[in-house]
């Protein structure tokens, strides 16, 4: 039996949901490639179809956190 089998998501409220090892779920955001409209995954799921609410585009890019300062690694 794994830790996932014992874990119950339904008994907790939306804010209290956590994954094993203390990992907090985060909202995922997508950007429409055509108009730049930013939508959350929950908004896209509510619509049913993956389509931009502003322009009707169907191509989205997943927003990522900004990259940290690039580090130069020297080979030995």
PDB file of N, CA and C in Angstrom:
ATOM      1  N   UNK A   1       0.842  -1.172   0.000  1.00  0.00           N
ATOM      2  CA  UNK A   1       0.000   0.000   0.000  1.00  0.00           C
ATOM      3  C   UNK A   1       0.889   1.238   0.000  1.00  0.00           C
ATOM      4  N   UNK A   2       0.667   2.135  -0.926  1.00  0.00           N
ATOM      5  CA  UNK A   2       1.486   3.341  -1.031  1.00  0.00           C
ATOM      6  C   UNK A   2       0.831   4.491  -0.268  1.00  0.00           C
ATOM      7  N   UNK A   3       1.563   5.593  -0.169  1.00  0.00           N
ATOM      8  CA  UNK A   3       1.032   6.773   0.514  1.00  0.00           C
ATOM      9  C   UNK A   3      -0.141   7.384  -0.248  1.00  0.00           C
ATOM     10  N   UNK A   4      -0.153   7.212  -1.551  1.00  0.00           N
ATOM     11  CA  UNK A   4      -1.231   7.773  -2.371  1.00  0.00           C
ATOM     12  C   UNK A   4      -2.557   7.100  -2.070  1.00  0.00           C
ATOM     13  N   UNK A   5      -2.546   5.808  -1.713  1.00  0.00           N
ATOM     14  CA  UNK A   5      -3.786   5.098  -1.425  1.00  0.00           C
ATOM     15  C   UNK A   5      -4.463   5.626  -0.172  1.00  0.00           C
ATOM     16  N   UNK A   6      -3.678   6.062   0.796  1.00  0.00           N
ATOM     17  CA  UNK A   6      -4.228   6.544   2.051  1.00  0.00           C
ATOM     18  C   UNK A   6      -4.629   8.012   1.986  1.00  0.00           C
ATOM     19  N   UNK A   7      -4.211   8.710   0.974  1.00  0.00           N
ATOM     20  CA  UNK A   7      -4.417  10.143   0.884  1.00  0.00           C
ATOM     21  C   UNK A   7      -5.808  10.443   0.350  1.00  0.00           C
ATOM     22  N   UNK A   8      -6.577  11.260   1.057  1.00  0.00           N
ATOM     23  CA  UNK A   8      -7.926  11.613   0.636  1.00  0.00           C
ATOM     24  C   UNK A   8      -7.991  13.099   0.322  1.00  0.00           C
ATOM     25  N   UNK A   9      -8.284  13.433  -0.914  1.00  0.00           N
ATOM     26  CA  UNK A   9      -8.386  14.827  -1.314  1.00  0.00           C
ATOM     27  C   UNK A   9      -9.767  15.394  -0.988  1.00  0.00           C
ATOM     28  N   UNK A  10     -10.807  14.572  -1.042  1.00  0.00           N
ATOM     29  CA  UNK A  10     -12.166  15.075  -0.904  1.00  0.00           C
ATOM     30  C   UNK A  10     -12.474  15.604   0.492  1.00  0.00           C
ATOM     31  N   UNK A  11     -11.805  15.106   1.511  1.00  0.00           N
ATOM     32  CA  UNK A  11     -12.133  15.495   2.876  1.00  0.00           C
ATOM     33  C   UNK A  11     -11.575  16.861   3.248  1.00  0.00           C
ATOM     34  N   UNK A  12     -10.745  17.444   2.422  1.00  0.00           N
ATOM     35  CA  UNK A  12     -10.130  18.728   2.735  1.00  0.00           C
ATOM     36  C   UNK A  12     -10.726  19.830   1.885  1.00  0.00           C
ATOM     37  N   UNK A  13     -10.638  21.058   2.388  1.00  0.00           N
ATOM     38  CA  UNK A  13     -11.103  22.200   1.601  1.00  0.00           C
ATOM     39  C   UNK A  13     -10.072  22.504   0.515  1.00  0.00           C
ATOM     40  N   UNK A  14     -10.411  23.412  -0.382  1.00  0.00           N
ATOM     41  CA  UNK A  14      -9.542  23.726  -1.523  1.00  0.00           C
ATOM     42  C   UNK A  14      -8.187  24.277  -1.068  1.00  0.00           C
ATOM     43  N   UNK A  15      -8.163  25.112  -0.021  1.00  0.00           N
ATOM     44  CA  UNK A  15      -6.920  25.708   0.433  1.00  0.00           C
ATOM     45  C   UNK A  15      -6.038  24.712   1.182  1.00  0.00           C
ATOM     46  N   UNK A  16      -6.630  23.712   1.797  1.00  0.00           N
ATOM     47  CA  UNK A  16      -5.882  22.784   2.639  1.00  0.00           C
ATOM     48  C   UNK A  16      -5.337  21.579   1.882  1.00  0.00           C
ATOM     49  N   UNK A  17      -5.632  21.452   0.611  1.00  0.00           N
ATOM     50  CA  UNK A  17      -5.155  20.301  -0.145  1.00  0.00           C
ATOM     51  C   UNK A  17      -3.639  20.342  -0.280  1.00  0.00           C
ATOM     52  N   UNK A  18      -2.987  19.265   0.112  1.00  0.00           N
ATOM     53  CA  UNK A  18      -1.548  19.149  -0.059  1.00  0.00           C
ATOM     54  C   UNK A  18      -1.235  17.767  -0.574  1.00  0.00           C
ATOM     55  N   UNK A  19      -0.152  17.661  -1.256  1.00  0.00           N
ATOM     56  CA  UNK A  19       0.317  16.380  -1.747  1.00  0.00           C
ATOM     57  C   UNK A  19       1.249  15.783  -0.706  1.00  0.00           C
ATOM     58  N   UNK A  20       1.599  14.519  -0.838  1.00  0.00           N
ATOM     59  CA  UNK A  20       2.550  13.938   0.117  1.00  0.00           C
ATOM     60  C   UNK A  20       3.860  14.726   0.145  1.00  0.00           C
ATOM     61  N   UNK A  21       4.565  14.637   1.244  1.00  0.00           N
ATOM     62  CA  UNK A  21       5.854  15.300   1.470  1.00  0.00           C
ATOM     63  C   UNK A  21       5.714  16.813   1.571  1.00  0.00           C
ATOM     64  N   UNK A  22       4.519  17.319   1.863  1.00  0.00           N
ATOM     65  CA  UNK A  22       4.328  18.744   2.073  1.00  0.00           C
ATOM     66  C   UNK A  22       4.322  19.585   0.821  1.00  0.00           C
ATOM     67  N   UNK A  23       4.138  19.007  -0.346  1.00  0.00           N
ATOM     68  CA  UNK A  23       4.126  19.754  -1.603  1.00  0.00           C
ATOM     69  C   UNK A  23       2.769  20.438  -1.744  1.00  0.00           C
ATOM     70  N   UNK A  24       2.774  21.735  -1.963  1.00  0.00           N
ATOM     71  CA  UNK A  24       1.548  22.503  -2.138  1.00  0.00           C
ATOM     72  C   UNK A  24       1.214  22.606  -3.632  1.00  0.00           C
ATOM     73  N   UNK A  25      -0.003  22.272  -4.032  1.00  0.00           N
ATOM     74  CA  UNK A  25      -0.363  22.441  -5.445  1.00  0.00           C
ATOM     75  C   UNK A  25      -0.454  23.917  -5.801  1.00  0.00           C
ATOM     76  N   UNK A  26      -0.032  24.262  -7.018  1.00  0.00           N
ATOM     77  CA  UNK A  26      -0.073  25.642  -7.493  1.00  0.00           C
ATOM     78  C   UNK A  26      -0.973  25.735  -8.708  1.00  0.00           C
ATOM     79  N   UNK A  27      -1.518  26.907  -8.896  1.00  0.00           N
ATOM     80  CA  UNK A  27      -2.334  27.158 -10.078  1.00  0.00           C
ATOM     81  C   UNK A  27      -1.415  27.276 -11.289  1.00  0.00           C
ATOM     82  N   UNK A  28      -1.820  26.692 -12.393  1.00  0.00           N
ATOM     83  CA  UNK A  28      -1.051  26.720 -13.630  1.00  0.00           C
ATOM     84  C   UNK A  28      -1.724  27.713 -14.570  1.00  0.00           C
ATOM     85  N   UNK A  29      -0.924  28.561 -15.214  1.00  0.00           N
ATOM     86  CA  UNK A  29      -1.446  29.579 -16.119  1.00  0.00           C
ATOM     87  C   UNK A  29      -0.967  29.331 -17.539  1.00  0.00           C
ATOM     88  N   UNK A  30      -1.841  29.670 -18.502  1.00  0.00           N
ATOM     89  CA  UNK A  30      -1.541  29.529 -19.918  1.00  0.00           C
ATOM     90  C   UNK A  30      -1.760  30.859 -20.615  1.00  0.00           C
ATOM     91  N   UNK A  31      -0.982  31.121 -21.676  1.00  0.00           N
ATOM     92  CA  UNK A  31      -1.086  32.348 -22.462  1.00  0.00           C
ATOM     93  C   UNK A  31      -1.516  31.981 -23.870  1.00  0.00           C
ATOM     94  N   UNK A  32      -2.514  32.683 -24.380  1.00  0.00           N
ATOM     95  CA  UNK A  32      -2.947  32.483 -25.764  1.00  0.00           C
ATOM     96  C   UNK A  32      -1.851  32.996 -26.683  1.00  0.00           C
ATOM     97  N   UNK A  33      -1.484  32.222 -27.663  1.00  0.00           N
ATOM     98  CA  UNK A  33      -0.410  32.595 -28.571  1.00  0.00           C
ATOM     99  C   UNK A  33      -0.802  33.764 -29.481  1.00  0.00           C
ATOM    100  N   UNK A  34      -2.085  33.905 -29.771  1.00  0.00           N
ATOM    101  CA  UNK A  34      -2.526  34.937 -30.711  1.00  0.00           C
ATOM    102  C   UNK A  34      -2.739  36.302 -30.061  1.00  0.00           C
ATOM    103  N   UNK A  35      -3.447  36.346 -28.923  1.00  0.00           N
ATOM    104  CA  UNK A  35      -3.792  37.647 -28.331  1.00  0.00           C
ATOM    105  C   UNK A  35      -3.077  37.923 -27.013  1.00  0.00           C
ATOM    106  N   UNK A  36      -2.430  36.941 -26.413  1.00  0.00           N
ATOM    107  CA  UNK A  36      -1.709  37.150 -25.162  1.00  0.00           C
ATOM    108  C   UNK A  36      -2.574  37.093 -23.923  1.00  0.00           C
ATOM    109  N   UNK A  37      -3.804  36.642 -24.056  1.00  0.00           N
ATOM    110  CA  UNK A  37      -4.709  36.517 -22.917  1.00  0.00           C
ATOM    111  C   UNK A  37      -4.189  35.433 -21.962  1.00  0.00           C
ATOM    112  N   UNK A  38      -4.112  35.747 -20.668  1.00  0.00           N
ATOM    113  CA  UNK A  38      -3.632  34.792 -19.677  1.00  0.00           C
ATOM    114  C   UNK A  38      -4.833  34.156 -19.001  1.00  0.00           C
ATOM    115  N   UNK A  39      -4.864  32.819 -19.003  1.00  0.00           N
ATOM    116  CA  UNK A  39      -5.962  32.070 -18.393  1.00  0.00           C
ATOM    117  C   UNK A  39      -5.396  30.996 -17.487  1.00  0.00           C
ATOM    118  N   UNK A  40      -6.104  30.711 -16.404  1.00  0.00           N
ATOM    119  CA  UNK A  40      -5.680  29.648 -15.503  1.00  0.00           C
ATOM    120  C   UNK A  40      -6.234  28.316 -16.006  1.00  0.00           C
ATOM    121  N   UNK A  41      -5.657  27.244 -15.519  1.00  0.00           N
ATOM    122  CA  UNK A  41      -6.110  25.911 -15.926  1.00  0.00           C
ATOM    123  C   UNK A  41      -7.548  25.675 -15.492  1.00  0.00           C
ATOM    124  N   UNK A  42      -7.921  26.189 -14.329  1.00  0.00           N
ATOM    125  CA  UNK A  42      -9.294  26.013 -13.863  1.00  0.00           C
ATOM    126  C   UNK A  42     -10.297  26.730 -14.770  1.00  0.00           C
ATOM    127  N   UNK A  43      -9.918  27.893 -15.311  1.00  0.00           N
ATOM    128  CA  UNK A  43     -10.797  28.597 -16.254  1.00  0.00           C
ATOM    129  C   UNK A  43     -10.958  27.796 -17.539  1.00  0.00           C
ATOM    130  N   UNK A  44      -9.872  27.207 -18.030  1.00  0.00           N
ATOM    131  CA  UNK A  44      -9.947  26.406 -19.254  1.00  0.00           C
ATOM    132  C   UNK A  44     -10.787  25.153 -19.029  1.00  0.00           C
ATOM    133  N   UNK A  45     -10.678  24.552 -17.844  1.00  0.00           N
ATOM    134  CA  UNK A  45     -11.455  23.352 -17.544  1.00  0.00           C
ATOM    135  C   UNK A  45     -12.946  23.656 -17.451  1.00  0.00           C
ATOM    136  N   UNK A  46     -13.306  24.833 -16.973  1.00  0.00           N
ATOM    137  CA  UNK A  46     -14.711  25.202 -16.840  1.00  0.00           C
ATOM    138  C   UNK A  46     -15.382  25.375 -18.197  1.00  0.00           C
ATOM    139  N   UNK A  47     -14.621  25.810 -19.200  1.00  0.00           N
ATOM    140  CA  UNK A  47     -15.191  26.036 -20.533  1.00  0.00           C
ATOM    141  C   UNK A  47     -15.532  24.738 -21.243  1.00  0.00           C
ATOM    142  N   UNK A  48     -14.821  23.688 -20.958  1.00  0.00           N
ATOM    143  CA  UNK A  48     -15.041  22.428 -21.654  1.00  0.00           C
ATOM    144  C   UNK A  48     -14.075  22.259 -22.812  1.00  0.00           C
ATOM    145  N   UNK A  49     -14.035  23.223 -23.728  1.00  0.00           N
ATOM    146  CA  UNK A  49     -13.082  23.195 -24.835  1.00  0.00           C
ATOM    147  C   UNK A  49     -11.879  24.047 -24.478  1.00  0.00           C
ATOM    148  N   UNK A  50     -10.733  23.692 -25.030  1.00  0.00           N
ATOM    149  CA  UNK A  50      -9.542  24.514 -24.834  1.00  0.00           C
ATOM    150  C   UNK A  50      -9.556  25.567 -25.928  1.00  0.00           C
ATOM    151  N   UNK A  51     -10.115  26.717 -25.575  1.00  0.00           N
ATOM    152  CA  UNK A  51     -10.271  27.802 -26.528  1.00  0.00           C
ATOM    153  C   UNK A  51     -10.166  29.128 -25.768  1.00  0.00           C
ATOM    154  N   UNK A  52      -9.541  30.115 -26.367  1.00  0.00           N
ATOM    155  CA  UNK A  52      -9.368  31.412 -25.733  1.00  0.00           C
ATOM    156  C   UNK A  52     -10.714  32.131 -25.675  1.00  0.00           C
ATOM    157  N   UNK A  53     -11.024  32.705 -24.526  1.00  0.00           N
ATOM    158  CA  UNK A  53     -12.305  33.398 -24.371  1.00  0.00           C
ATOM    159  C   UNK A  53     -12.322  34.756 -25.077  1.00  0.00           C
ATOM    160  N   UNK A  54     -11.153  35.313 -25.366  1.00  0.00           N
ATOM    161  CA  UNK A  54     -11.088  36.625 -26.005  1.00  0.00           C
ATOM    162  C   UNK A  54     -11.095  36.518 -27.532  1.00  0.00           C
ATOM    163  N   UNK A  55     -10.199  35.674 -28.115  1.00  0.00           N
ATOM    164  CA  UNK A  55     -10.055  35.665 -29.578  1.00  0.00           C
ATOM    165  C   UNK A  55     -10.483  34.350 -30.226  1.00  0.00           C
ATOM    166  N   UNK A  56     -10.686  33.296 -29.449  1.00  0.00           N
ATOM    167  CA  UNK A  56     -11.079  32.021 -30.033  1.00  0.00           C
ATOM    168  C   UNK A  56      -9.907  31.163 -30.463  1.00  0.00           C
ATOM    169  N   UNK A  57      -8.688  31.596 -30.129  1.00  0.00           N
ATOM    170  CA  UNK A  57      -7.501  30.825 -30.494  1.00  0.00           C
ATOM    171  C   UNK A  57      -7.422  29.513 -29.719  1.00  0.00           C
ATOM    172  N   UNK A  58      -6.754  28.544 -30.301  1.00  0.00           N
ATOM    173  CA  UNK A  58      -6.650  27.233 -29.670  1.00  0.00           C
ATOM    174  C   UNK A  58      -5.217  26.828 -29.355  1.00  0.00           C
ATOM    175  N   UNK A  59      -4.286  27.749 -29.450  1.00  0.00           N
ATOM    176  CA  UNK A  59      -2.883  27.434 -29.170  1.00  0.00           C
ATOM    177  C   UNK A  59      -2.461  28.220 -27.933  1.00  0.00           C
ATOM    178  N   UNK A  60      -2.055  27.484 -26.905  1.00  0.00           N
ATOM    179  CA  UNK A  60      -1.664  28.086 -25.644  1.00  0.00           C
ATOM    180  C   UNK A  60      -0.236  27.695 -25.300  1.00  0.00           C
ATOM    181  N   UNK A  61       0.439  28.602 -24.591  1.00  0.00           N
ATOM    182  CA  UNK A  61       1.763  28.337 -24.055  1.00  0.00           C
ATOM    183  C   UNK A  61       1.660  28.321 -22.544  1.00  0.00           C
ATOM    184  N   UNK A  62       2.354  27.402 -21.916  1.00  0.00           N
ATOM    185  CA  UNK A  62       2.331  27.326 -20.464  1.00  0.00           C
ATOM    186  C   UNK A  62       3.296  28.361 -19.900  1.00  0.00           C
ATOM    187  N   UNK A  63       2.805  29.186 -18.973  1.00  0.00           N
ATOM    188  CA  UNK A  63       3.662  30.171 -18.333  1.00  0.00           C
ATOM    189  C   UNK A  63       4.598  29.476 -17.361  1.00  0.00           C
ATOM    190  N   UNK A  64       5.818  29.879 -17.368  1.00  0.00           N
ATOM    191  CA  UNK A  64       6.818  29.323 -16.467  1.00  0.00           C
ATOM    192  C   UNK A  64       7.385  30.444 -15.607  1.00  0.00           C
ATOM    193  N   UNK A  65       7.995  30.070 -14.498  1.00  0.00           N
ATOM    194  CA  UNK A  65       8.619  31.069 -13.653  1.00  0.00           C
ATOM    195  C   UNK A  65       9.825  31.636 -14.386  1.00  0.00           C
ATOM    196  N   UNK A  66      10.165  32.876 -14.119  1.00  0.00           N
ATOM    197  CA  UNK A  66      11.327  33.445 -14.802  1.00  0.00           C
ATOM    198  C   UNK A  66      12.590  32.677 -14.450  1.00  0.00           C
ATOM    199  N   UNK A  67      13.440  32.535 -15.428  1.00  0.00           N
ATOM    200  CA  UNK A  67      14.689  31.802 -15.203  1.00  0.00           C
ATOM    201  C   UNK A  67      15.587  32.598 -14.278  1.00  0.00           C
ATOM    202  N   UNK A  68      16.321  31.889 -13.467  1.00  0.00           N
ATOM    203  CA  UNK A  68      17.279  32.538 -12.590  1.00  0.00           C
ATOM    204  C   UNK A  68      18.461  33.035 -13.408  1.00  0.00           C
ATOM    205  N   UNK A  69      19.300  33.807 -12.778  1.00  0.00           N
ATOM    206  CA  UNK A  69      20.473  34.331 -13.455  1.00  0.00           C
ATOM    207  C   UNK A  69      21.286  33.166 -14.023  1.00  0.00           C
ATOM    208  N   UNK A  70      21.587  33.197 -15.310  1.00  0.00           N
ATOM    209  CA  UNK A  70      22.320  32.066 -15.894  1.00  0.00           C
ATOM    210  C   UNK A  70      23.697  31.907 -15.251  1.00  0.00           C
ATOM    211  N   UNK A  71      24.052  30.683 -15.011  1.00  0.00           N
ATOM    212  CA  UNK A  71      25.360  30.393 -14.424  1.00  0.00           C
ATOM    213  C   UNK A  71      26.243  29.758 -15.470  1.00  0.00           C
ATOM    214  N   UNK A  72      27.471  30.156 -15.476  1.00  0.00           N
ATOM    215  CA  UNK A  72      28.436  29.575 -16.398  1.00  0.00           C
ATOM    216  C   UNK A  72      29.133  28.427 -15.686  1.00  0.00           C
ATOM    217  N   UNK A  73      29.136  27.274 -16.318  1.00  0.00           N
ATOM    218  CA  UNK A  73      29.797  26.099 -15.752  1.00  0.00           C
ATOM    219  C   UNK A  73      30.995  25.786 -16.628  1.00  0.00           C
ATOM    220  N   UNK A  74      32.154  25.759 -16.015  1.00  0.00           N
ATOM    221  CA  UNK A  74      33.364  25.486 -16.752  1.00  0.00           C
ATOM    222  C   UNK A  74      33.689  23.999 -16.690  1.00  0.00           C
ATOM    223  N   UNK A  75      34.041  23.441 -17.806  1.00  0.00           N
ATOM    224  CA  UNK A  75      34.437  22.040 -17.860  1.00  0.00           C
ATOM    225  C   UNK A  75      35.877  21.913 -17.347  1.00  0.00           C
ATOM    226  N   UNK A  76      36.146  20.792 -16.797  1.00  0.00           N
ATOM    227  CA  UNK A  76      37.509  20.555 -16.261  1.00  0.00           C
ATOM    228  C   UNK A  76      38.329  19.805 -17.298  1.00  0.00           C
TER     229      UNK A  76
END
